[in-house]
Amino acid sequence: MTARRRRAFFAFLSLIAALAGGGRLEAQRADPLAIAMKAYTDLDYDIAAQSFRAALALEGSARLADADRIRALMHLGATEVFRGRRDAAVQSFRSLIVLDPRYRPDVVVFPPEVSTLYQEARIGVRATRVIVPPSADIRT
């Protein structure tokens, strides 16, 4: 096992332990994307991709809110672009588009290669989003 793979493996195990409750910091408790965003910011894209996927796989009460899922999917797509994995990036962007068809990446935050691929991914996806109020009165 190479040093890079070993480092990625231990970072992934740290994420799982942090999310499971073993020695979590307050920031990680509040934001399950903390490790992924830190790896993304540090340009460690292998760890970032694993961490974003682990955060997106959470279920039950630990499941990410829609806003966090959108953030995770967009950054995962960007991570895959930077890793040279175009198909994985397109898959992430399509999942994001289905979740929120009106979302547009911030061109200040994401470089043109990411924004362009996101726009290309939008072409083949048909999705709408309906927001229903929590209660409604039906009058006859």
Protein backbone atom coordinates (compact mmCIF):
# COMPACT_ATOMS: atom_id res chain seq x y z
CA MET A 1 0.00 0.00 0.00
CA THR A 2 1.48 3.34 -1.01
CA ALA A 3 1.87 6.18 1.46
CA ARG A 4 -0.83 8.21 -0.33
CA ARG A 5 -3.34 5.36 -0.20
CA ARG A 6 -2.50 4.66 3.42
CA ARG A 7 -3.05 8.36 4.28
CA ALA A 8 -6.38 8.36 2.40
CA PHE A 9 -7.44 5.16 4.16
CA PHE A 10 -6.69 6.57 7.62
CA ALA A 11 -8.44 9.85 6.79
CA PHE A 12 -11.49 7.87 5.70
CA LEU A 13 -11.40 5.83 8.93
CA SER A 14 -11.13 9.08 10.89
CA LEU A 15 -14.23 10.38 9.12
CA ILE A 16 -16.19 7.24 9.93
CA ALA A 17 -15.07 7.37 13.57
CA ALA A 18 -15.94 11.07 13.79
CA LEU A 19 -19.38 10.52 12.31
CA ALA A 20 -19.99 7.51 14.55
CA GLY A 21 -19.33 9.62 17.62
CA GLY A 22 -15.84 8.62 18.68
CA GLY A 23 -14.02 11.80 19.67
CA ARG A 24 -15.96 14.24 17.50
CA LEU A 25 -15.13 17.91 17.59
CA GLU A 26 -17.94 20.46 17.87
CA ALA A 27 -17.44 21.60 14.27
CA GLN A 28 -17.72 18.04 13.01
CA ARG A 29 -20.82 17.46 15.10
CA ALA A 30 -22.45 20.54 13.61
CA ASP A 31 -21.18 19.92 10.07
CA PRO A 32 -20.56 16.37 8.81
CA LEU A 33 -18.93 17.91 5.74
CA ALA A 34 -16.09 19.47 7.76
CA ILE A 35 -13.46 16.86 6.89
CA ALA A 36 -14.47 16.79 3.23
CA MET A 37 -14.39 20.57 2.90
CA LYS A 38 -11.01 20.73 4.67
CA ALA A 39 -9.56 18.11 2.29
CA TYR A 40 -11.06 19.96 -0.69
CA THR A 41 -9.55 23.25 0.49
CA ASP A 42 -6.19 21.52 1.03
CA LEU A 43 -6.37 20.15 -2.55
CA ASP A 44 -6.33 16.56 -1.28
CA TYR A 45 -8.97 15.42 -3.73
CA ASP A 46 -8.79 11.67 -3.02
CA ILE A 47 -9.70 12.16 0.63
CA ALA A 48 -12.23 14.85 -0.28
CA ALA A 49 -14.05 12.53 -2.69
CA GLN A 50 -14.20 9.71 -0.13
CA SER A 51 -15.37 12.08 2.59
CA PHE A 52 -18.08 13.69 0.44
CA ARG A 53 -19.37 10.24 -0.54
CA ALA A 54 -19.38 9.10 3.10
CA ALA A 55 -21.32 12.22 4.14
CA LEU A 56 -23.82 11.76 1.30
CA ALA A 57 -24.34 8.12 2.32
CA LEU A 58 -25.53 9.05 5.83
CA GLU A 59 -29.07 7.96 6.58
CA GLY A 60 -31.67 8.41 9.26
CA SER A 61 -31.28 11.31 11.65
CA ALA A 62 -27.68 11.86 10.49
CA ARG A 63 -28.77 12.36 6.85
CA LEU A 64 -27.67 15.65 5.38
CA ALA A 65 -30.24 18.39 4.92
CA ASP A 66 -31.00 19.33 1.31
CA ALA A 67 -28.82 22.44 1.46
CA ASP A 68 -25.86 20.38 2.69
CA ARG A 69 -26.52 17.67 0.10
CA ILE A 70 -26.46 20.34 -2.62
CA ARG A 71 -23.17 21.70 -1.29
CA ALA A 72 -21.68 18.20 -1.01
CA LEU A 73 -22.78 17.15 -4.52
CA MET A 74 -21.42 20.34 -6.10
CA HIS A 75 -18.07 20.03 -4.35
CA LEU A 76 -17.93 16.30 -5.10
CA GLY A 77 -18.49 17.07 -8.78
CA ALA A 78 -15.75 19.70 -8.70
CA THR A 79 -13.45 17.27 -6.91
CA GLU A 80 -14.02 14.66 -9.61
CA VAL A 81 -13.30 17.24 -12.33
CA PHE A 82 -9.97 18.03 -10.65
CA ARG A 83 -9.22 14.30 -10.35
CA GLY A 84 -9.84 13.88 -14.08
CA ARG A 85 -12.92 11.70 -13.59
CA ARG A 86 -15.41 13.38 -15.90
CA ASP A 87 -18.07 10.62 -15.75
CA ALA A 88 -18.13 10.67 -11.95
CA ALA A 89 -18.40 14.48 -12.00
CA VAL A 90 -21.32 14.37 -14.44
CA GLN A 91 -23.07 11.77 -12.27
CA SER A 92 -22.67 13.99 -9.20
CA PHE A 93 -23.93 17.05 -11.09
CA ARG A 94 -26.96 15.14 -12.38
CA SER A 95 -27.84 14.04 -8.86
CA LEU A 96 -27.60 17.68 -7.82
CA ILE A 97 -29.82 18.82 -10.69
CA VAL A 98 -32.49 16.28 -9.74
CA LEU A 99 -32.32 17.51 -6.15
CA ASP A 100 -32.52 21.21 -7.09
CA PRO A 101 -33.10 22.03 -10.77
CA ARG A 102 -32.73 25.79 -10.14
CA TYR A 103 -29.25 25.54 -8.60
CA ARG A 104 -26.42 27.30 -10.44
CA PRO A 105 -22.78 27.08 -9.37
CA ASP A 106 -21.09 30.25 -8.18
CA VAL A 107 -18.65 31.26 -10.94
CA VAL A 108 -16.50 33.05 -8.37
CA VAL A 109 -16.02 29.86 -6.35
CA PHE A 110 -15.85 27.27 -9.14
CA PRO A 111 -13.54 27.62 -12.15
CA PRO A 112 -14.84 27.59 -15.74
CA GLU A 113 -14.05 23.90 -16.34
CA VAL A 114 -16.35 22.96 -13.44
CA SER A 115 -19.13 25.41 -14.34
CA THR A 116 -19.03 24.40 -18.00
CA LEU A 117 -19.28 20.69 -17.20
CA TYR A 118 -22.19 21.44 -14.84
CA GLN A 119 -24.02 23.27 -17.66
CA GLU A 120 -23.34 20.33 -20.01
CA ALA A 121 -24.76 17.92 -17.43
CA ARG A 122 -27.94 20.01 -17.21
CA ILE A 123 -28.69 19.49 -20.90
CA GLY A 124 -29.75 15.86 -20.60
CA VAL A 125 -31.64 16.08 -17.31
CA ARG A 126 -35.34 16.92 -17.03
CA ALA A 127 -36.37 17.80 -13.51
CA THR A 128 -38.78 20.07 -11.69
CA ARG A 129 -39.14 20.91 -8.05
CA VAL A 130 -42.40 21.62 -6.30
CA ILE A 131 -42.46 23.13 -2.85
CA VAL A 132 -45.67 22.27 -1.02
CA PRO A 133 -46.73 24.14 2.12
CA PRO A 134 -46.81 21.97 5.26
CA SER A 135 -50.58 22.32 5.51
CA ALA A 136 -53.27 23.35 3.08
CA ASP A 137 -56.98 23.93 3.32
CA ILE A 138 -59.14 22.48 0.60
CA ARG A 139 -62.49 24.21 0.25
CA THR A 140 -65.34 22.75 -1.69
